[in-house]
Amino acid sequence: VGVAMNTGTSAAKEAANMVDLDSD
């Protein structure tokens, strides 16, 4: 389970299988 922060880089969001829009 890879959770990327929405504040992060595009590479992190592309690699993860979840994105937290609140970056918490």
PDB file of all heavy atoms in Angstrom:
ATOM      1  N   VAL A   1       0.870  -1.180   0.000  1.00  0.00           N
ATOM      2  CA  VAL A   1       0.000   0.000   0.000  1.00  0.00           C
ATOM      3  C   VAL A   1       0.902   1.224   0.000  1.00  0.00           C
ATOM      4  O   VAL A   1       1.589   1.496   0.978  1.00  0.00           O
ATOM      5  CB  VAL A   1      -0.927   0.031   1.233  1.00  0.00           C
ATOM      6  CG1 VAL A   1      -1.806   1.274   1.197  1.00  0.00           C
ATOM      7  CG2 VAL A   1      -1.780  -1.220   1.309  1.00  0.00           C
ATOM      8  N   GLY A   2       0.937   1.942  -1.112  1.00  0.00           N
ATOM      9  CA  GLY A   2       1.743   3.152  -1.214  1.00  0.00           C
ATOM     10  C   GLY A   2       0.836   4.363  -1.207  1.00  0.00           C
ATOM     11  O   GLY A   2      -0.006   4.513  -2.096  1.00  0.00           O
ATOM     12  N   VAL A   3       0.982   5.212  -0.195  1.00  0.00           N
ATOM     13  CA  VAL A   3       0.130   6.395  -0.053  1.00  0.00           C
ATOM     14  C   VAL A   3       0.979   7.639  -0.284  1.00  0.00           C
ATOM     15  O   VAL A   3       1.872   7.934   0.513  1.00  0.00           O
ATOM     16  CB  VAL A   3      -0.529   6.461   1.340  1.00  0.00           C
ATOM     17  CG1 VAL A   3      -1.474   7.663   1.422  1.00  0.00           C
ATOM     18  CG2 VAL A   3      -1.272   5.173   1.650  1.00  0.00           C
ATOM     19  N   ALA A   4       0.707   8.340  -1.367  1.00  0.00           N
ATOM     20  CA  ALA A   4       1.444   9.561  -1.677  1.00  0.00           C
ATOM     21  C   ALA A   4       0.669  10.770  -1.170  1.00  0.00           C
ATOM     22  O   ALA A   4      -0.565  10.786  -1.191  1.00  0.00           O
ATOM     23  CB  ALA A   4       1.668   9.685  -3.181  1.00  0.00           C
ATOM     24  N   MET A   5       1.421  11.759  -0.694  1.00  0.00           N
ATOM     25  CA  MET A   5       0.804  13.009  -0.278  1.00  0.00           C
ATOM     26  C   MET A   5       0.488  13.851  -1.509  1.00  0.00           C
ATOM     27  O   MET A   5       1.288  13.937  -2.438  1.00  0.00           O
ATOM     28  CB  MET A   5       1.732  13.794   0.646  1.00  0.00           C
ATOM     29  CG  MET A   5       2.189  13.046   1.899  1.00  0.00           C
ATOM     30  SD  MET A   5       0.845  12.656   3.052  1.00  0.00           S
ATOM     31  CE  MET A   5       0.597  10.895   2.712  1.00  0.00           C
ATOM     32  N   ASN A   6      -0.674  14.482  -1.515  1.00  0.00           N
ATOM     33  CA  ASN A   6      -1.050  15.325  -2.648  1.00  0.00           C
ATOM     34  C   ASN A   6      -0.112  16.513  -2.808  1.00  0.00           C
ATOM     35  O   ASN A   6       0.018  17.075  -3.892  1.00  0.00           O
ATOM     36  CB  ASN A   6      -2.488  15.821  -2.473  1.00  0.00           C
ATOM     37  CG  ASN A   6      -3.022  16.505  -3.717  1.00  0.00           C
ATOM     38  OD1 ASN A   6      -2.796  16.046  -4.832  1.00  0.00           O
ATOM     39  ND2 ASN A   6      -3.720  17.605  -3.530  1.00  0.00           N
ATOM     40  N   THR A   7       0.560  16.901  -1.708  1.00  0.00           N
ATOM     41  CA  THR A   7       1.523  18.003  -1.784  1.00  0.00           C
ATOM     42  C   THR A   7       2.834  17.572  -2.419  1.00  0.00           C
ATOM     43  O   THR A   7       3.697  18.404  -2.673  1.00  0.00           O
ATOM     44  CB  THR A   7       1.828  18.538  -0.373  1.00  0.00           C
ATOM     45  OG1 THR A   7       2.301  17.459   0.437  1.00  0.00           O
ATOM     46  CG2 THR A   7       0.600  19.141   0.267  1.00  0.00           C
ATOM     47  N   GLY A   8       3.003  16.281  -2.644  1.00  0.00           N
ATOM     48  CA  GLY A   8       4.276  15.764  -3.112  1.00  0.00           C
ATOM     49  C   GLY A   8       4.481  15.902  -4.603  1.00  0.00           C
ATOM     50  O   GLY A   8       3.696  16.516  -5.321  1.00  0.00           O
ATOM     51  N   THR A   9       5.542  15.267  -5.069  1.00  0.00           N
ATOM     52  CA  THR A   9       5.906  15.356  -6.479  1.00  0.00           C
ATOM     53  C   THR A   9       5.032  14.447  -7.329  1.00  0.00           C
ATOM     54  O   THR A   9       4.408  13.505  -6.840  1.00  0.00           O
ATOM     55  CB  THR A   9       7.373  14.965  -6.675  1.00  0.00           C
ATOM     56  OG1 THR A   9       7.549  13.602  -6.236  1.00  0.00           O
ATOM     57  CG2 THR A   9       8.297  15.857  -5.873  1.00  0.00           C
ATOM     58  N   SER A  10       5.006  14.739  -8.626  1.00  0.00           N
ATOM     59  CA  SER A  10       4.234  13.911  -9.554  1.00  0.00           C
ATOM     60  C   SER A  10       4.740  12.479  -9.555  1.00  0.00           C
ATOM     61  O   SER A  10       3.953  11.528  -9.667  1.00  0.00           O
ATOM     62  CB  SER A  10       4.304  14.494 -10.961  1.00  0.00           C
ATOM     63  OG  SER A  10       3.758  15.795 -11.001  1.00  0.00           O
ATOM     64  N   ALA A  11       6.057  12.294  -9.428  1.00  0.00           N
ATOM     65  CA  ALA A  11       6.625  10.942  -9.440  1.00  0.00           C
ATOM     66  C   ALA A  11       6.098  10.123  -8.271  1.00  0.00           C
ATOM     67  O   ALA A  11       5.787   8.930  -8.424  1.00  0.00           O
ATOM     68  CB  ALA A  11       8.154  11.026  -9.370  1.00  0.00           C
ATOM     69  N   ALA A  12       5.986  10.736  -7.108  1.00  0.00           N
ATOM     70  CA  ALA A  12       5.475  10.018  -5.939  1.00  0.00           C
ATOM     71  C   ALA A  12       4.022   9.621  -6.148  1.00  0.00           C
ATOM     72  O   ALA A  12       3.621   8.491  -5.841  1.00  0.00           O
ATOM     73  CB  ALA A  12       5.618  10.882  -4.685  1.00  0.00           C
ATOM     74  N   LYS A  13       3.212  10.533  -6.691  1.00  0.00           N
ATOM     75  CA  LYS A  13       1.788  10.235  -6.888  1.00  0.00           C
ATOM     76  C   LYS A  13       1.577   9.177  -7.967  1.00  0.00           C
ATOM     77  O   LYS A  13       0.635   8.378  -7.889  1.00  0.00           O
ATOM     78  CB  LYS A  13       1.033  11.520  -7.227  1.00  0.00           C
ATOM     79  CG  LYS A  13       0.937  12.476  -6.036  1.00  0.00           C
ATOM     80  CD  LYS A  13      -0.064  13.593  -6.260  1.00  0.00           C
ATOM     81  CE  LYS A  13       0.458  14.652  -7.178  1.00  0.00           C
ATOM     82  NZ  LYS A  13      -0.451  15.824  -7.253  1.00  0.00           N
ATOM     83  N   GLU A  14       2.439   9.158  -8.975  1.00  0.00           N
ATOM     84  CA  GLU A  14       2.319   8.147 -10.024  1.00  0.00           C
ATOM     85  C   GLU A  14       2.705   6.764  -9.502  1.00  0.00           C
ATOM     86  O   GLU A  14       2.132   5.753  -9.905  1.00  0.00           O
ATOM     87  CB  GLU A  14       3.206   8.521 -11.210  1.00  0.00           C
ATOM     88  CG  GLU A  14       2.728   9.730 -12.005  1.00  0.00           C
ATOM     89  CD  GLU A  14       1.451   9.452 -12.761  1.00  0.00           C
ATOM     90  OE1 GLU A  14       1.141   8.267 -13.011  1.00  0.00           O
ATOM     91  OE2 GLU A  14       0.737  10.415 -13.094  1.00  0.00           O
ATOM     92  N   ALA A  15       3.672   6.700  -8.609  1.00  0.00           N
ATOM     93  CA  ALA A  15       4.153   5.408  -8.111  1.00  0.00           C
ATOM     94  C   ALA A  15       3.210   4.792  -7.092  1.00  0.00           C
ATOM     95  O   ALA A  15       3.146   3.569  -6.966  1.00  0.00           O
ATOM     96  CB  ALA A  15       5.542   5.573  -7.481  1.00  0.00           C
ATOM     97  N   ALA A  16       2.471   5.614  -6.357  1.00  0.00           N
ATOM     98  CA  ALA A  16       1.621   5.117  -5.278  1.00  0.00           C
ATOM     99  C   ALA A  16       0.321   4.541  -5.833  1.00  0.00           C
ATOM    100  O   ALA A  16      -0.066   4.817  -6.969  1.00  0.00           O
ATOM    101  CB  ALA A  16       1.322   6.245  -4.301  1.00  0.00           C
ATOM    102  N   ASN A  17      -0.345   3.720  -5.013  1.00  0.00           N
ATOM    103  CA  ASN A  17      -1.674   3.247  -5.403  1.00  0.00           C
ATOM    104  C   ASN A  17      -2.781   3.934  -4.611  1.00  0.00           C
ATOM    105  O   ASN A  17      -3.943   3.572  -4.712  1.00  0.00           O
ATOM    106  CB  ASN A  17      -1.799   1.716  -5.282  1.00  0.00           C
ATOM    107  CG  ASN A  17      -1.296   1.193  -3.952  1.00  0.00           C
ATOM    108  OD1 ASN A  17      -1.331   1.889  -2.935  1.00  0.00           O
ATOM    109  ND2 ASN A  17      -0.822  -0.051  -3.954  1.00  0.00           N
ATOM    110  N   MET A  18      -2.407   4.925  -3.811  1.00  0.00           N
ATOM    111  CA  MET A  18      -3.370   5.803  -3.145  1.00  0.00           C
ATOM    112  C   MET A  18      -2.770   7.199  -3.080  1.00  0.00           C
ATOM    113  O   MET A  18      -1.557   7.357  -2.977  1.00  0.00           O
ATOM    114  CB  MET A  18      -3.697   5.330  -1.728  1.00  0.00           C
ATOM    115  CG  MET A  18      -4.478   4.041  -1.634  1.00  0.00           C
ATOM    116  SD  MET A  18      -5.007   3.719   0.066  1.00  0.00           S
ATOM    117  CE  MET A  18      -5.697   2.068  -0.124  1.00  0.00           C
ATOM    118  N   VAL A  19      -3.635   8.210  -3.122  1.00  0.00           N
ATOM    119  CA  VAL A  19      -3.208   9.597  -2.965  1.00  0.00           C
ATOM    120  C   VAL A  19      -4.080  10.244  -1.899  1.00  0.00           C
ATOM    121  O   VAL A  19      -5.311  10.196  -1.980  1.00  0.00           O
ATOM    122  CB  VAL A  19      -3.330  10.390  -4.286  1.00  0.00           C
ATOM    123  CG1 VAL A  19      -2.946  11.852  -4.064  1.00  0.00           C
ATOM    124  CG2 VAL A  19      -2.458   9.774  -5.365  1.00  0.00           C
ATOM    125  N   ASP A  20      -3.431  10.819  -0.886  1.00  0.00           N
ATOM    126  CA  ASP A  20      -4.142  11.508   0.183  1.00  0.00           C
ATOM    127  C   ASP A  20      -4.214  12.993  -0.161  1.00  0.00           C
ATOM    128  O   ASP A  20      -3.205  13.683  -0.159  1.00  0.00           O
ATOM    129  CB  ASP A  20      -3.422  11.293   1.524  1.00  0.00           C
ATOM    130  CG  ASP A  20      -4.042  12.108   2.647  1.00  0.00           C
ATOM    131  OD1 ASP A  20      -5.213  12.500   2.491  1.00  0.00           O
ATOM    132  OD2 ASP A  20      -3.366  12.327   3.663  1.00  0.00           O
ATOM    133  N   LEU A  21      -5.417  13.463  -0.468  1.00  0.00           N
ATOM    134  CA  LEU A  21      -5.582  14.847  -0.883  1.00  0.00           C
ATOM    135  C   LEU A  21      -5.316  15.826   0.253  1.00  0.00           C
ATOM    136  O   LEU A  21      -5.019  16.991   0.015  1.00  0.00           O
ATOM    137  CB  LEU A  21      -7.002  15.067  -1.426  1.00  0.00           C
ATOM    138  CG  LEU A  21      -7.393  14.208  -2.630  1.00  0.00           C
ATOM    139  CD1 LEU A  21      -8.807  14.528  -3.065  1.00  0.00           C
ATOM    140  CD2 LEU A  21      -6.428  14.401  -3.778  1.00  0.00           C
ATOM    141  N   ASP A  22      -5.440  15.365   1.496  1.00  0.00           N
ATOM    142  CA  ASP A  22      -5.189  16.240   2.645  1.00  0.00           C
ATOM    143  C   ASP A  22      -3.715  16.278   3.029  1.00  0.00           C
ATOM    144  O   ASP A  22      -3.331  17.068   3.894  1.00  0.00           O
ATOM    145  CB  ASP A  22      -5.995  15.776   3.862  1.00  0.00           C
ATOM    146  CG  ASP A  22      -7.486  16.022   3.695  1.00  0.00           C
ATOM    147  OD1 ASP A  22      -7.830  16.922   2.920  1.00  0.00           O
ATOM    148  OD2 ASP A  22      -8.286  15.320   4.327  1.00  0.00           O
ATOM    149  N   SER A  23      -2.905  15.386   2.442  1.00  0.00           N
ATOM    150  CA  SER A  23      -1.474  15.303   2.769  1.00  0.00           C
ATOM    151  C   SER A  23      -1.252  15.132   4.265  1.00  0.00           C
ATOM    152  O   SER A  23      -0.391  15.777   4.866  1.00  0.00           O
ATOM    153  CB  SER A  23      -0.732  16.552   2.250  1.00  0.00           C
ATOM    154  OG  SER A  23      -0.868  16.653   0.854  1.00  0.00           O
ATOM    155  N   ASP A  24      -2.038  14.266   4.857  1.00  0.00           N
ATOM    156  CA  ASP A  24      -1.936  13.974   6.285  1.00  0.00           C
ATOM    157  C   ASP A  24      -1.484  12.524   6.431  1.00  0.00           C
ATOM    158  O   ASP A  24      -2.276  11.610   6.210  1.00  0.00           O
ATOM    159  CB  ASP A  24      -3.294  14.179   6.964  1.00  0.00           C
ATOM    160  CG  ASP A  24      -3.279  13.785   8.433  1.00  0.00           C
ATOM    161  OD1 ASP A  24      -2.185  13.528   8.967  1.00  0.00           O
ATOM    162  OD2 ASP A  24      -4.369  13.737   9.042  1.00  0.00           O
TER     163      ASP A  24
END
